[in-house]
C-alpha atoms as a PDB file:
ATOM      1  CA  MET A   1    -105.551   7.201  57.189  1.00  0.00           C
ATOM      2  CA  LYS A   2    -105.496   7.409  60.949  1.00  0.00           C
ATOM      3  CA  LYS A   3    -103.386   5.242  63.123  1.00  0.00           C
ATOM      4  CA  ARG A   4    -103.733   5.178  66.885  1.00  0.00           C
ATOM      5  CA  LEU A   5    -100.842   4.312  69.114  1.00  0.00           C
ATOM      6  CA  SER A   6    -102.062   3.372  72.587  1.00  0.00           C
ATOM      7  CA  ILE A   7     -99.427   3.279  75.297  1.00  0.00           C
ATOM      8  CA  LEU A   8    -100.505   1.678  78.561  1.00  0.00           C
ATOM      9  CA  LEU A   9     -98.205   2.920  81.306  1.00  0.00           C
ATOM     10  CA  ILE A  10     -98.606   0.586  84.276  1.00  0.00           C
ATOM     11  CA  VAL A  11     -96.914   2.291  87.193  1.00  0.00           C
ATOM     12  CA  LEU A  12     -98.419   0.773  90.315  1.00  0.00           C
ATOM     13  CA  SER A  13     -99.220  -2.763  89.244  1.00  0.00           C
ATOM     14  CA  ILE A  14    -100.602  -5.947  90.710  1.00  0.00           C
ATOM     15  CA  GLY A  15     -97.317  -7.899  90.809  1.00  0.00           C
ATOM     16  CA  LEU A  16     -98.328 -11.343  92.066  1.00  0.00           C
ATOM     17  CA  GLY A  17     -95.818 -13.095  89.802  1.00  0.00           C
ATOM     18  CA  ILE A  18     -97.627 -12.242  86.582  1.00  0.00           C
ATOM     19  CA  GLY A  19     -94.824 -10.337  84.923  1.00  0.00           C
ATOM     20  CA  LEU A  20     -95.599  -6.904  86.343  1.00  0.00           C
ATOM     21  CA  LYS A  21     -93.278  -5.167  88.762  1.00  0.00           C
ATOM     22  CA  ASN A  22     -93.760  -3.080  91.859  1.00  0.00           C
ATOM     23  CA  GLU A  23     -92.743   0.448  91.001  1.00  0.00           C
ATOM     24  CA  THR A  24     -91.977   3.427  93.194  1.00  0.00           C
ATOM     25  CA  ALA A  25     -95.035   5.395  94.244  1.00  0.00           C
ATOM     26  CA  PHE A  26     -95.516   8.696  92.438  1.00  0.00           C
ATOM     27  CA  ALA A  27     -93.398   7.551  89.506  1.00  0.00           C
ATOM     28  CA  ALA A  28     -93.341  10.273  86.879  1.00  0.00           C
ATOM     29  CA  THR A  29     -95.703  10.387  83.938  1.00  0.00           C
ATOM     30  CA  ILE A  30     -96.576  13.281  81.692  1.00  0.00           C
ATOM     31  CA  ASN A  31     -98.505  15.347  84.215  1.00  0.00           C
ATOM     32  CA  TYR A  32    -100.077  13.308  87.016  1.00  0.00           C
ATOM     33  CA  SER A  33     -99.285  10.528  89.473  1.00  0.00           C
ATOM     34  CA  VAL A  34    -101.190   8.024  91.615  1.00  0.00           C
ATOM     35  CA  LYS A  35    -100.437   6.279  94.909  1.00  0.00           C
ATOM     36  CA  ALA A  36    -102.235   3.554  96.866  1.00  0.00           C
ATOM     37  CA  ASN A  37    -102.704   4.401 100.545  1.00  0.00           C
ATOM     38  CA  ILE A  38    -101.895   1.085 102.213  1.00  0.00           C
ATOM     39  CA  PRO A  39    -104.204   0.194 105.170  1.00  0.00           C
ATOM     40  CA  GLU A  40    -103.455  -1.790 108.334  1.00  0.00           C
ATOM     41  CA  ASN A  41    -104.966  -5.039 107.033  1.00  0.00           C
ATOM     42  CA  GLN A  42    -102.470  -5.148 104.161  1.00  0.00           C
ATOM     43  CA  ILE A  43    -100.914  -8.651 104.068  1.00  0.00           C
ATOM     44  CA  ASN A  44     -97.558  -7.494 102.677  1.00  0.00           C
ATOM     45  CA  LYS A  45     -96.876  -3.869 103.551  1.00  0.00           C
ATOM     46  CA  ASN A  46     -93.878  -3.717 101.205  1.00  0.00           C
ATOM     47  CA  LEU A  47     -96.182  -3.864  98.204  1.00  0.00           C
ATOM     48  CA  THR A  48     -97.563  -0.745  96.543  1.00  0.00           C
ATOM     49  CA  TYR A  49    -100.804  -2.383  95.415  1.00  0.00           C
ATOM     50  CA  PHE A  50    -103.652  -3.468  97.722  1.00  0.00           C
ATOM     51  CA  ASP A  51    -103.179  -6.990  99.119  1.00  0.00           C
ATOM     52  CA  LEU A  52    -105.953  -7.143 101.716  1.00  0.00           C
ATOM     53  CA  ARG A  53    -107.251  -9.707 104.188  1.00  0.00           C
ATOM     54  CA  ILE A  54    -110.915  -8.898 104.846  1.00  0.00           C
ATOM     55  CA  ASN A  55    -113.572 -10.697 106.898  1.00  0.00           C
ATOM     56  CA  PRO A  56    -116.818 -11.967 105.344  1.00  0.00           C
ATOM     57  CA  GLY A  57    -119.606  -9.398 105.399  1.00  0.00           C
ATOM     58  CA  SER A  58    -117.292  -6.579 106.450  1.00  0.00           C
ATOM     59  CA  GLN A  59    -117.062  -3.126 104.889  1.00  0.00           C
ATOM     60  CA  GLN A  60    -113.862  -1.192 104.344  1.00  0.00           C
ATOM     61  CA  THR A  61    -112.891   2.120 102.805  1.00  0.00           C
ATOM     62  CA  ILE A  62    -109.629   2.309 100.857  1.00  0.00           C
ATOM     63  CA  SER A  63    -108.158   5.326  99.114  1.00  0.00           C
ATOM     64  CA  LEU A  64    -105.829   6.541  96.385  1.00  0.00           C
ATOM     65  CA  THR A  65    -103.886   9.786  96.333  1.00  0.00           C
ATOM     66  CA  VAL A  66    -103.808  11.474  92.934  1.00  0.00           C
ATOM     67  CA  GLN A  67    -101.617  14.468  92.163  1.00  0.00           C
ATOM     68  CA  ASN A  68    -101.518  16.877  89.261  1.00  0.00           C
ATOM     69  CA  THR A  69     -97.840  17.535  88.555  1.00  0.00           C
ATOM     70  CA  SER A  70     -98.560  20.209  85.950  1.00  0.00           C
ATOM     71  CA  THR A  71     -99.772  23.811  86.248  1.00  0.00           C
ATOM     72  CA  GLU A  72    -102.849  23.165  84.070  1.00  0.00           C
ATOM     73  CA  GLU A  73    -106.173  21.787  85.285  1.00  0.00           C
ATOM     74  CA  ILE A  74    -106.817  18.127  84.456  1.00  0.00           C
ATOM     75  CA  GLU A  75    -109.679  15.667  84.958  1.00  0.00           C
ATOM     76  CA  LEU A  76    -109.059  12.009  85.811  1.00  0.00           C
ATOM     77  CA  MET A  77    -111.303   8.964  85.628  1.00  0.00           C
ATOM     78  CA  ILE A  78    -110.787   6.255  88.262  1.00  0.00           C
ATOM     79  CA  GLU A  79    -112.459   2.957  87.352  1.00  0.00           C
ATOM     80  CA  PRO A  80    -112.528  -0.062  89.721  1.00  0.00           C
ATOM     81  CA  ASN A  81    -112.589  -3.041  87.340  1.00  0.00           C
ATOM     82  CA  THR A  82    -112.692  -6.812  87.686  1.00  0.00           C
ATOM     83  CA  ALA A  83    -109.535  -8.537  86.432  1.00  0.00           C
ATOM     84  CA  ILE A  84    -109.998 -10.442  83.166  1.00  0.00           C
ATOM     85  CA  THR A  85    -107.706 -12.324  80.773  1.00  0.00           C
ATOM     86  CA  ASN A  86    -107.280 -10.727  77.357  1.00  0.00           C
ATOM     87  CA  GLN A  87    -106.575 -12.479  74.039  1.00  0.00           C
ATOM     88  CA  ASN A  88    -102.831 -12.036  74.511  1.00  0.00           C
ATOM     89  CA  GLY A  89    -102.930 -14.169  77.652  1.00  0.00           C
ATOM     90  CA  VAL A  90    -102.356 -11.176  79.942  1.00  0.00           C
ATOM     91  CA  ILE A  91    -104.312 -10.205  83.056  1.00  0.00           C
ATOM     92  CA  ASP A  92    -106.127  -6.974  82.195  1.00  0.00           C
ATOM     93  CA  TYR A  93    -107.687  -4.390  84.527  1.00  0.00           C
ATOM     94  CA  SER A  94    -108.817  -1.829  81.943  1.00  0.00           C
ATOM     95  CA  LYS A  95    -112.185  -3.300  80.879  1.00  0.00           C
ATOM     96  CA  GLN A  96    -115.182  -1.945  82.733  1.00  0.00           C
ATOM     97  CA  GLU A  97    -118.215  -3.405  80.973  1.00  0.00           C
ATOM     98  CA  HIS A  98    -116.654  -6.777  80.212  1.00  0.00           C
ATOM     99  CA  GLU A  99    -118.971  -9.780  80.413  1.00  0.00           C
ATOM    100  CA  LYS A 100    -118.475 -11.740  83.636  1.00  0.00           C
ATOM    101  CA  ASP A 101    -117.181 -15.301  83.449  1.00  0.00           C
ATOM    102  CA  ASN A 102    -119.863 -17.856  84.325  1.00  0.00           C
ATOM    103  CA  SER A 103    -117.619 -19.370  87.036  1.00  0.00           C
ATOM    104  CA  LEU A 104    -117.042 -16.030  88.818  1.00  0.00           C
ATOM    105  CA  PRO A 105    -118.894 -16.027  92.170  1.00  0.00           C
ATOM    106  CA  TYR A 106    -117.961 -12.473  93.193  1.00  0.00           C
ATOM    107  CA  ALA A 107    -116.841  -9.792  90.750  1.00  0.00           C
ATOM    108  CA  PHE A 108    -114.602  -7.100  92.222  1.00  0.00           C
ATOM    109  CA  SER A 109    -116.561  -4.386  90.392  1.00  0.00           C
ATOM    110  CA  ASP A 110    -119.767  -5.522  92.173  1.00  0.00           C
ATOM    111  CA  LEU A 111    -118.168  -5.298  95.620  1.00  0.00           C
ATOM    112  CA  ILE A 112    -116.754  -1.763  95.378  1.00  0.00           C
ATOM    113  CA  SER A 113    -118.309   1.679  94.957  1.00  0.00           C
ATOM    114  CA  PRO A 114    -118.608   3.059  91.394  1.00  0.00           C
ATOM    115  CA  LYS A 115    -116.058   4.873  89.253  1.00  0.00           C
ATOM    116  CA  GLN A 116    -115.268   8.512  90.002  1.00  0.00           C
ATOM    117  CA  LYS A 117    -114.218  11.590  88.075  1.00  0.00           C
ATOM    118  CA  VAL A 118    -111.643  13.763  89.799  1.00  0.00           C
ATOM    119  CA  LEU A 119    -110.919  17.379  88.835  1.00  0.00           C
ATOM    120  CA  LEU A 120    -107.441  18.602  89.790  1.00  0.00           C
ATOM    121  CA  LYS A 121    -106.228  22.156  89.582  1.00  0.00           C
ATOM    122  CA  GLY A 122    -102.603  22.876  88.765  1.00  0.00           C
ATOM    123  CA  ASN A 123    -100.280  21.054  91.229  1.00  0.00           C
ATOM    124  CA  GLU A 124    -103.286  19.942  93.313  1.00  0.00           C
ATOM    125  CA  LYS A 125    -103.326  16.698  95.298  1.00  0.00           C
ATOM    126  CA  LYS A 126    -106.467  14.813  96.382  1.00  0.00           C
ATOM    127  CA  GLU A 127    -107.352  11.651  98.280  1.00  0.00           C
ATOM    128  CA  VAL A 128    -110.094   9.625  96.598  1.00  0.00           C
ATOM    129  CA  SER A 129    -111.969   6.991  98.620  1.00  0.00           C
ATOM    130  CA  PHE A 130    -113.778   3.812  97.587  1.00  0.00           C
ATOM    131  CA  THR A 131    -115.830   1.455  99.771  1.00  0.00           C
ATOM    132  CA  ILE A 132    -115.594  -2.341  99.592  1.00  0.00           C
ATOM    133  CA  GLN A 133    -118.518  -4.457 100.800  1.00  0.00           C
ATOM    134  CA  MET A 134    -117.517  -8.108 101.158  1.00  0.00           C
ATOM    135  CA  PRO A 135    -120.086 -10.879 100.578  1.00  0.00           C
ATOM    136  CA  GLU A 136    -121.643 -12.427 103.679  1.00  0.00           C
ATOM    137  CA  GLU A 137    -120.615 -15.960 102.724  1.00  0.00           C
ATOM    138  CA  SER A 138    -116.993 -16.911 103.344  1.00  0.00           C
ATOM    139  CA  PHE A 139    -114.875 -17.992 100.358  1.00  0.00           C
ATOM    140  CA  ASP A 140    -111.428 -19.442  99.694  1.00  0.00           C
ATOM    141  CA  GLY A 141    -109.135 -18.095  97.023  1.00  0.00           C
ATOM    142  CA  ILE A 142    -108.731 -14.658  95.446  1.00  0.00           C
ATOM    143  CA  ILE A 143    -110.991 -11.860  94.272  1.00  0.00           C
ATOM    144  CA  LEU A 144    -108.888  -9.857  91.849  1.00  0.00           C
ATOM    145  CA  GLY A 145    -109.444  -6.404  90.440  1.00  0.00           C
ATOM    146  CA  GLY A 146    -107.752  -3.082  90.002  1.00  0.00           C
ATOM    147  CA  PHE A 147    -108.133   0.657  89.660  1.00  0.00           C
ATOM    148  CA  TYR A 148    -107.708   1.865  86.088  1.00  0.00           C
ATOM    149  CA  ILE A 149    -106.833   5.576  86.074  1.00  0.00           C
ATOM    150  CA  TYR A 150    -106.609   7.753  82.978  1.00  0.00           C
ATOM    151  CA  LYS A 151    -106.924  11.379  81.975  1.00  0.00           C
ATOM    152  CA  ILE A 152    -110.224  12.392  80.399  1.00  0.00           C
ATOM    153  CA  ASN A 153    -110.103  14.117  76.995  1.00  0.00           C
ATOM    154  CA  GLN A 154    -106.473  13.334  76.310  1.00  0.00           C
ATOM    155  CA  THR A 155    -105.347  15.378  73.329  1.00  0.00           C
ATOM    156  CA  ASP A 156    -104.184  13.802  70.105  1.00  0.00           C
ATOM    157  CA  GLU A 157    -100.620  14.509  69.102  1.00  0.00           C
ATOM    158  CA  THR A 158    -100.622  14.866  65.334  1.00  0.00           C
ATOM    159  CA  LYS A 159     -97.381  14.548  63.449  1.00  0.00           C
ATOM    160  CA  GLU A 160     -96.961  17.438  61.000  1.00  0.00           C
ATOM    161  CA  ASN A 161     -96.772  16.780  57.255  1.00  0.00           C
ATOM    162  CA  SER A 162     -98.119  13.284  57.750  1.00  0.00           C
ATOM    163  CA  MET A 163    -101.358  11.378  57.296  1.00  0.00           C
ATOM    164  CA  THR A 164    -100.661   9.511  60.533  1.00  0.00           C
ATOM    165  CA  GLN A 165    -102.310  10.539  63.779  1.00  0.00           C
ATOM    166  CA  LEU A 166    -100.786   9.298  67.012  1.00  0.00           C
ATOM    167  CA  LYS A 167    -102.895   9.132  70.125  1.00  0.00           C
ATOM    168  CA  ASN A 168    -100.788   8.548  73.229  1.00  0.00           C
ATOM    169  CA  GLU A 169    -102.861   7.297  76.139  1.00  0.00           C
ATOM    170  CA  PHE A 170    -101.047   7.163  79.466  1.00  0.00           C
ATOM    171  CA  SER A 171    -102.746   5.399  82.344  1.00  0.00           C
ATOM    172  CA  TYR A 172    -102.129   3.848  85.745  1.00  0.00           C
ATOM    173  CA  VAL A 173    -103.228   0.485  87.105  1.00  0.00           C
ATOM    174  CA  ILE A 174    -103.259  -0.221  90.824  1.00  0.00           C
ATOM    175  CA  GLY A 175    -104.173  -3.803  91.639  1.00  0.00           C
ATOM    176  CA  VAL A 176    -106.488  -5.000  94.390  1.00  0.00           C
ATOM    177  CA  LYS A 177    -106.251  -8.558  95.711  1.00  0.00           C
ATOM    178  CA  LEU A 178    -108.831  -9.629  98.295  1.00  0.00           C
ATOM    179  CA  THR A 179    -108.636 -12.807 100.401  1.00  0.00           C
ATOM    180  CA  GLU A 180    -110.456 -14.113 103.472  1.00  0.00           C
ATOM    181  CA  THR A 181    -108.535 -17.302 104.354  1.00  0.00           C
ATOM    182  CA  ASP A 182    -105.103 -18.912 104.018  1.00  0.00           C
ATOM    183  CA  ILE A 183    -106.510 -21.938 102.186  1.00  0.00           C
ATOM    184  CA  SER A 184    -104.681 -22.413  98.884  1.00  0.00           C
ATOM    185  CA  VAL A 185    -106.801 -22.822  95.756  1.00  0.00           C
ATOM    186  CA  GLN A 186    -105.284 -24.368  92.621  1.00  0.00           C
ATOM    187  CA  PRO A 187    -106.300 -23.223  89.140  1.00  0.00           C
ATOM    188  CA  ASP A 188    -108.227 -25.586  86.892  1.00  0.00           C
ATOM    189  CA  LEU A 189    -108.485 -25.113  83.136  1.00  0.00           C
ATOM    190  CA  LYS A 190    -111.339 -26.083  80.846  1.00  0.00           C
ATOM    191  CA  LEU A 191    -111.652 -25.993  77.050  1.00  0.00           C
ATOM    192  CA  ASN A 192    -115.057 -24.575  76.121  1.00  0.00           C
ATOM    193  CA  TYR A 193    -115.439 -24.082  72.380  1.00  0.00           C
ATOM    194  CA  VAL A 194    -113.390 -23.835  69.193  1.00  0.00           C
ATOM    195  CA  GLN A 195    -114.320 -21.559  66.301  1.00  0.00           C
ATOM    196  CA  ALA A 196    -112.918 -19.730  63.295  1.00  0.00           C
ATOM    197  CA  GLY A 197    -112.273 -16.007  63.583  1.00  0.00           C
ATOM    198  CA  LEU A 198    -109.956 -13.096  62.926  1.00  0.00           C
ATOM    199  CA  ASN A 199    -107.127 -11.736  65.046  1.00  0.00           C
ATOM    200  CA  ASN A 200    -105.859  -8.339  63.887  1.00  0.00           C
ATOM    201  CA  TYR A 201    -107.648  -9.064  60.590  1.00  0.00           C
ATOM    202  CA  ARG A 202    -105.703 -12.306  60.157  1.00  0.00           C
ATOM    203  CA  THR A 203    -107.416 -15.688  59.868  1.00  0.00           C
ATOM    204  CA  VAL A 204    -107.258 -17.803  63.014  1.00  0.00           C
ATOM    205  CA  VAL A 205    -109.079 -20.513  64.889  1.00  0.00           C
ATOM    206  CA  THR A 206    -109.624 -19.661  68.556  1.00  0.00           C
ATOM    207  CA  ALA A 207    -109.837 -22.088  71.464  1.00  0.00           C
ATOM    208  CA  ASN A 208    -111.674 -20.673  74.472  1.00  0.00           C
ATOM    209  CA  LEU A 209    -109.744 -21.570  77.645  1.00  0.00           C
ATOM    210  CA  GLN A 210    -111.367 -21.015  81.028  1.00  0.00           C
ATOM    211  CA  ASN A 211    -109.836 -20.875  84.516  1.00  0.00           C
ATOM    212  CA  THR A 212    -112.747 -21.977  86.693  1.00  0.00           C
ATOM    213  CA  LYS A 213    -111.090 -21.425  90.089  1.00  0.00           C
ATOM    214  CA  ALA A 214    -110.414 -18.378  92.278  1.00  0.00           C
ATOM    215  CA  ALA A 215    -106.672 -18.579  91.641  1.00  0.00           C
ATOM    216  CA  ILE A 216    -104.196 -16.854  89.353  1.00  0.00           C
ATOM    217  CA  VAL A 217    -102.523 -18.898  86.611  1.00  0.00           C
ATOM    218  CA  ASN A 218     -98.862 -17.929  86.140  1.00  0.00           C
ATOM    219  CA  ASN A 219     -96.243 -18.941  83.560  1.00  0.00           C
ATOM    220  CA  LEU A 220     -98.782 -20.742  81.409  1.00  0.00           C
ATOM    221  CA  GLU A 221     -97.507 -22.478  78.283  1.00  0.00           C
ATOM    222  CA  VAL A 222    -100.012 -23.424  75.583  1.00  0.00           C
ATOM    223  CA  ASN A 223     -99.315 -25.652  72.558  1.00  0.00           C
ATOM    224  CA  ALA A 224    -102.078 -26.165  70.013  1.00  0.00           C
ATOM    225  CA  ARG A 225    -102.200 -27.938  66.666  1.00  0.00           C
ATOM    226  CA  ILE A 226    -104.996 -28.606  64.191  1.00  0.00           C
ATOM    227  CA  THR A 227    -105.508 -31.475  61.755  1.00  0.00           C
ATOM    228  CA  LYS A 228    -108.222 -32.393  59.276  1.00  0.00           C
ATOM    229  CA  GLU A 229    -110.789 -34.801  60.712  1.00  0.00           C
ATOM    230  CA  GLY A 230    -109.437 -38.342  60.619  1.00  0.00           C
ATOM    231  CA  GLN A 231    -105.945 -37.281  59.504  1.00  0.00           C
ATOM    232  CA  LYS A 232    -102.644 -37.040  61.384  1.00  0.00           C
ATOM    233  CA  GLU A 233    -100.889 -34.326  59.406  1.00  0.00           C
ATOM    234  CA  THR A 234    -100.686 -31.002  61.248  1.00  0.00           C
ATOM    235  CA  LEU A 235    -102.235 -28.190  59.206  1.00  0.00           C
ATOM    236  CA  HIS A 236    -101.603 -25.298  61.601  1.00  0.00           C
ATOM    237  CA  GLU A 237    -100.036 -24.917  65.038  1.00  0.00           C
ATOM    238  CA  THR A 238     -99.263 -22.217  67.597  1.00  0.00           C
ATOM    239  CA  ALA A 239     -97.213 -22.275  70.803  1.00  0.00           C
ATOM    240  CA  LYS A 240     -97.045 -19.504  73.394  1.00  0.00           C
ATOM    241  CA  SER A 241     -95.412 -19.265  76.808  1.00  0.00           C
ATOM    242  CA  LYS A 242     -95.379 -17.003  79.888  1.00  0.00           C
ATOM    243  CA  LEU A 243     -99.126 -16.424  79.700  1.00  0.00           C
ATOM    244  CA  SER A 244    -101.277 -15.546  82.715  1.00  0.00           C
ATOM    245  CA  MET A 245    -104.924 -15.921  83.599  1.00  0.00           C
ATOM    246  CA  ALA A 246    -107.038 -14.052  86.124  1.00  0.00           C
ATOM    247  CA  PRO A 247    -109.148 -16.020  88.606  1.00  0.00           C
ATOM    248  CA  ASN A 248    -112.472 -17.227  87.175  1.00  0.00           C
ATOM    249  CA  SER A 249    -111.848 -15.897  83.689  1.00  0.00           C
ATOM    250  CA  ASN A 250    -111.645 -17.099  80.097  1.00  0.00           C
ATOM    251  CA  PHE A 251    -109.973 -16.007  76.871  1.00  0.00           C
ATOM    252  CA  ASP A 252    -109.819 -16.998  73.219  1.00  0.00           C
ATOM    253  CA  PHE A 253    -106.418 -18.493  72.468  1.00  0.00           C
ATOM    254  CA  PRO A 254    -105.699 -17.745  68.776  1.00  0.00           C
ATOM    255  CA  ILE A 255    -104.192 -20.452  66.556  1.00  0.00           C
ATOM    256  CA  SER A 256    -102.698 -18.877  63.446  1.00  0.00           C
ATOM    257  CA  TRP A 257    -104.008 -19.997  60.069  1.00  0.00           C
ATOM    258  CA  ASP A 258    -100.692 -18.855  58.578  1.00  0.00           C
ATOM    259  CA  ASN A 259    -102.280 -16.054  56.565  1.00  0.00           C
ATOM    260  CA  THR A 260    -104.195 -18.509  54.369  1.00  0.00           C
ATOM    261  CA  ARG A 261    -107.863 -18.895  53.565  1.00  0.00           C
ATOM    262  CA  LEU A 262    -110.196 -20.680  55.950  1.00  0.00           C
ATOM    263  CA  GLU A 263    -111.582 -23.710  54.137  1.00  0.00           C
ATOM    264  CA  PRO A 264    -114.962 -25.220  55.108  1.00  0.00           C
ATOM    265  CA  GLY A 265    -114.759 -28.654  56.673  1.00  0.00           C
ATOM    266  CA  LYS A 266    -114.328 -30.676  59.842  1.00  0.00           C
ATOM    267  CA  TYR A 267    -111.152 -30.354  61.888  1.00  0.00           C
ATOM    268  CA  HIS A 268    -109.544 -31.686  65.076  1.00  0.00           C
ATOM    269  CA  LEU A 269    -107.842 -29.542  67.744  1.00  0.00           C
ATOM    270  CA  TYR A 270    -105.172 -30.940  70.071  1.00  0.00           C
ATOM    271  CA  LEU A 271    -104.189 -28.550  72.872  1.00  0.00           C
ATOM    272  CA  THR A 272    -101.868 -28.866  75.872  1.00  0.00           C
ATOM    273  CA  ALA A 273    -101.573 -26.247  78.625  1.00  0.00           C
ATOM    274  CA  ALA A 274     -99.102 -26.348  81.525  1.00  0.00           C
ATOM    275  CA  ASP A 275     -98.174 -23.943  84.330  1.00  0.00           C
ATOM    276  CA  GLY A 276     -95.233 -25.873  85.806  1.00  0.00           C
ATOM    277  CA  ASN A 277     -97.431 -27.516  88.456  1.00  0.00           C
ATOM    278  CA  GLN A 278    -100.295 -28.920  86.436  1.00  0.00           C
ATOM    279  CA  THR A 279    -100.817 -30.027  82.843  1.00  0.00           C
ATOM    280  CA  TRP A 280    -104.116 -30.048  80.976  1.00  0.00           C
ATOM    281  CA  GLU A 281    -104.623 -31.947  77.712  1.00  0.00           C
ATOM    282  CA  PHE A 282    -107.615 -31.359  75.451  1.00  0.00           C
ATOM    283  CA  ASP A 283    -108.745 -32.531  72.027  1.00  0.00           C
ATOM    284  CA  LYS A 284    -111.920 -31.375  70.353  1.00  0.00           C
ATOM    285  CA  MET A 285    -113.628 -31.758  66.989  1.00  0.00           C
ATOM    286  CA  PHE A 286    -114.968 -28.601  65.348  1.00  0.00           C
ATOM    287  CA  GLU A 287    -116.324 -27.476  61.996  1.00  0.00           C
ATOM    288  CA  ILE A 288    -115.826 -24.391  59.854  1.00  0.00           C
ATOM    289  CA  ASN A 289    -118.996 -23.844  57.844  1.00  0.00           C
ATOM    290  CA  ARG A 290    -119.065 -22.344  54.370  1.00  0.00           C
ATOM    291  CA  GLU A 291    -120.814 -19.090  55.328  1.00  0.00           C
ATOM    292  CA  ASP A 292    -118.375 -18.284  58.153  1.00  0.00           C
ATOM    293  CA  ALA A 293    -115.372 -19.114  55.978  1.00  0.00           C
ATOM    294  CA  LYS A 294    -116.612 -16.863  53.172  1.00  0.00           C
ATOM    295  CA  LYS A 295    -117.344 -13.953  55.526  1.00  0.00           C
ATOM    296  CA  LEU A 296    -114.053 -14.181  57.428  1.00  0.00           C
ATOM    297  CA  ASN A 297    -111.943 -14.618  54.296  1.00  0.00           C
ATOM    298  CA  LYS A 298    -113.578 -11.511  52.843  1.00  0.00           C
ATOM    299  CA  GLU A 299    -112.764  -9.455  55.967  1.00  0.00           C
ATOM    300  CA  ALA A 300    -109.199 -10.766  56.319  1.00  0.00           C
ATOM    301  CA  VAL A 301    -106.251  -8.833  54.911  1.00  0.00           C
ATOM    302  CA  GLU A 302    -103.284  -9.990  52.825  1.00  0.00           C
ATOM    303  CA  LEU A 303    -104.426 -13.587  52.445  1.00  0.00           C
ATOM    304  CA  GLU A 304    -102.108 -15.712  50.369  1.00  0.00           C
ATOM    305  CA  LYS A 305    -103.787 -16.487  47.061  1.00  0.00           C
ATOM    306  CA  ASP A 306    -104.894 -20.011  46.334  1.00  0.00           C
ATOM    307  CA  TYR A 307    -103.815 -20.617  42.741  1.00  0.00           C
ATOM    308  CA  THR A 308    -104.894 -24.261  42.629  1.00  0.00           C
ATOM    309  CA  LEU A 309    -108.066 -23.685  40.581  1.00  0.00           C
ATOM    310  CA  LEU A 310    -106.220 -21.253  38.311  1.00  0.00           C
ATOM    311  CA  PHE A 311    -103.494 -23.815  37.631  1.00  0.00           C
ATOM    312  CA  ILE A 312    -106.103 -26.498  36.922  1.00  0.00           C
ATOM    313  CA  GLY A 313    -107.903 -24.163  34.528  1.00  0.00           C
ATOM    314  CA  LEU A 314    -104.713 -23.187  32.712  1.00  0.00           C
ATOM    315  CA  ALA A 315    -103.618 -26.803  32.502  1.00  0.00           C
ATOM    316  CA  GLY A 316    -106.991 -27.717  30.984  1.00  0.00           C
ATOM    317  CA  ILE A 317    -106.689 -24.949  28.390  1.00  0.00           C
ATOM    318  CA  ILE A 318    -103.148 -25.991  27.475  1.00  0.00           C
ATOM    319  CA  LEU A 319    -104.159 -29.651  27.127  1.00  0.00           C
ATOM    320  CA  ALA A 320    -107.108 -28.652  24.958  1.00  0.00           C
ATOM    321  CA  LEU A 321    -104.840 -26.557  22.703  1.00  0.00           C
ATOM    322  CA  ILE A 322    -102.341 -29.409  22.431  1.00  0.00           C
ATOM    323  CA  LEU A 323    -105.176 -31.781  21.514  1.00  0.00           C
ATOM    324  CA  ILE A 324    -106.530 -29.375  18.888  1.00  0.00           C
ATOM    325  CA  ILE A 325    -103.076 -28.874  17.363  1.00  0.00           C
ATOM    326  CA  PHE A 326    -102.504 -32.642  17.380  1.00  0.00           C
ATOM    327  CA  ILE A 327    -105.824 -33.244  15.583  1.00  0.00           C
ATOM    328  CA  LEU A 328    -105.085 -30.527  13.021  1.00  0.00           C
ATOM    329  CA  LEU A 329    -101.642 -31.994  12.355  1.00  0.00           C
ATOM    330  CA  ILE A 330    -103.119 -35.451  11.840  1.00  0.00           C
ATOM    331  CA  LYS A 331    -105.758 -34.084   9.430  1.00  0.00           C
ATOM    332  CA  LYS A 332    -103.128 -32.162   7.525  1.00  0.00           C
ATOM    333  CA  LYS A 333    -100.934 -35.243   7.266  1.00  0.00           C
ATOM    334  CA  ARG A 334    -103.835 -37.354   6.023  1.00  0.00           C
ATOM    335  CA  GLY A 335    -104.776 -34.646   3.515  1.00  0.00           C
ATOM    336  CA  GLY A 336    -101.239 -34.621   2.146  1.00  0.00           C
ATOM    337  CA  SER A 337    -101.251 -38.409   1.805  1.00  0.00           C
ATOM    338  CA  ASN A 338    -104.518 -38.377  -0.211  1.00  0.00           C
ATOM    339  CA  GLU A 339    -103.149 -35.788  -2.651  1.00  0.00           C
ATOM    340  CA  ASN A 340    -100.126 -38.018  -3.353  1.00  0.00           C
ATOM    341  CA  HIS A 341    -102.483 -40.806  -4.416  1.00  0.00           C
END
């Protein structure tokens, strides 16, 4: 059995009030470090991520400095990725081929030059440049992305005398926030679809929430509950707080099914989301069909057993035995009475 332990080390992060901190440049990792080279059009020069004001249609080159702090040669991959929202309600910069949200007018990955491999000799330092080409049409709000930097061919550290294999993956994220105007854009949430699924091989129902505006959602609190169609009793509910959403992104908010089987039928979702400034309330009918329920229940792990049918069967057998014994006793009693006559 192999178990992978992935450790994401975010050293130079996007900040922006989404729970990530500005760290000192060239903070130590195992054997390499990364620094953003802040240009003149940086809005806040105290930040260690890119916070740039750029004109429509303009082109700009920005750069990172990467340094090998070991004596051995290493190879790094530097990926410029569009910011998305992952299933944990966290803004994520590590997905390169992620499907673009249908509300996203300009993806960061489409505006910047492609990913690069960088070979560093022992203790070598290099400056790596990327070119941004802004769209011709002016826009309000934020284009959000980031550089995801990791070492290629990271070795697995295998614990001796164990069946467990640990793979430690250390990486950097350096955020890039692009704006053209000072006009404030407020986030707006939409509920798209509701469907049954699995989260870490546990049964859930997911509600797809979408931020349709070019604005970051901070400190988002989501409360969701599910009832049977036409009933008031809450079957399952989940509440989470301090979530974040990237501009023009969506994610599947998982509602726990409490480790029980998904039963076919029609259900009703009630969901409230609030960020401290705005509140969104949604309710939506959805159905779990028999085929999906069967497939997902089969793939799920450690489901609590439903003993209802077993109990009914056992109760039927017991009642039948009692009835048989009762009939036999009556026949025996009648037989004894006839012999006396």
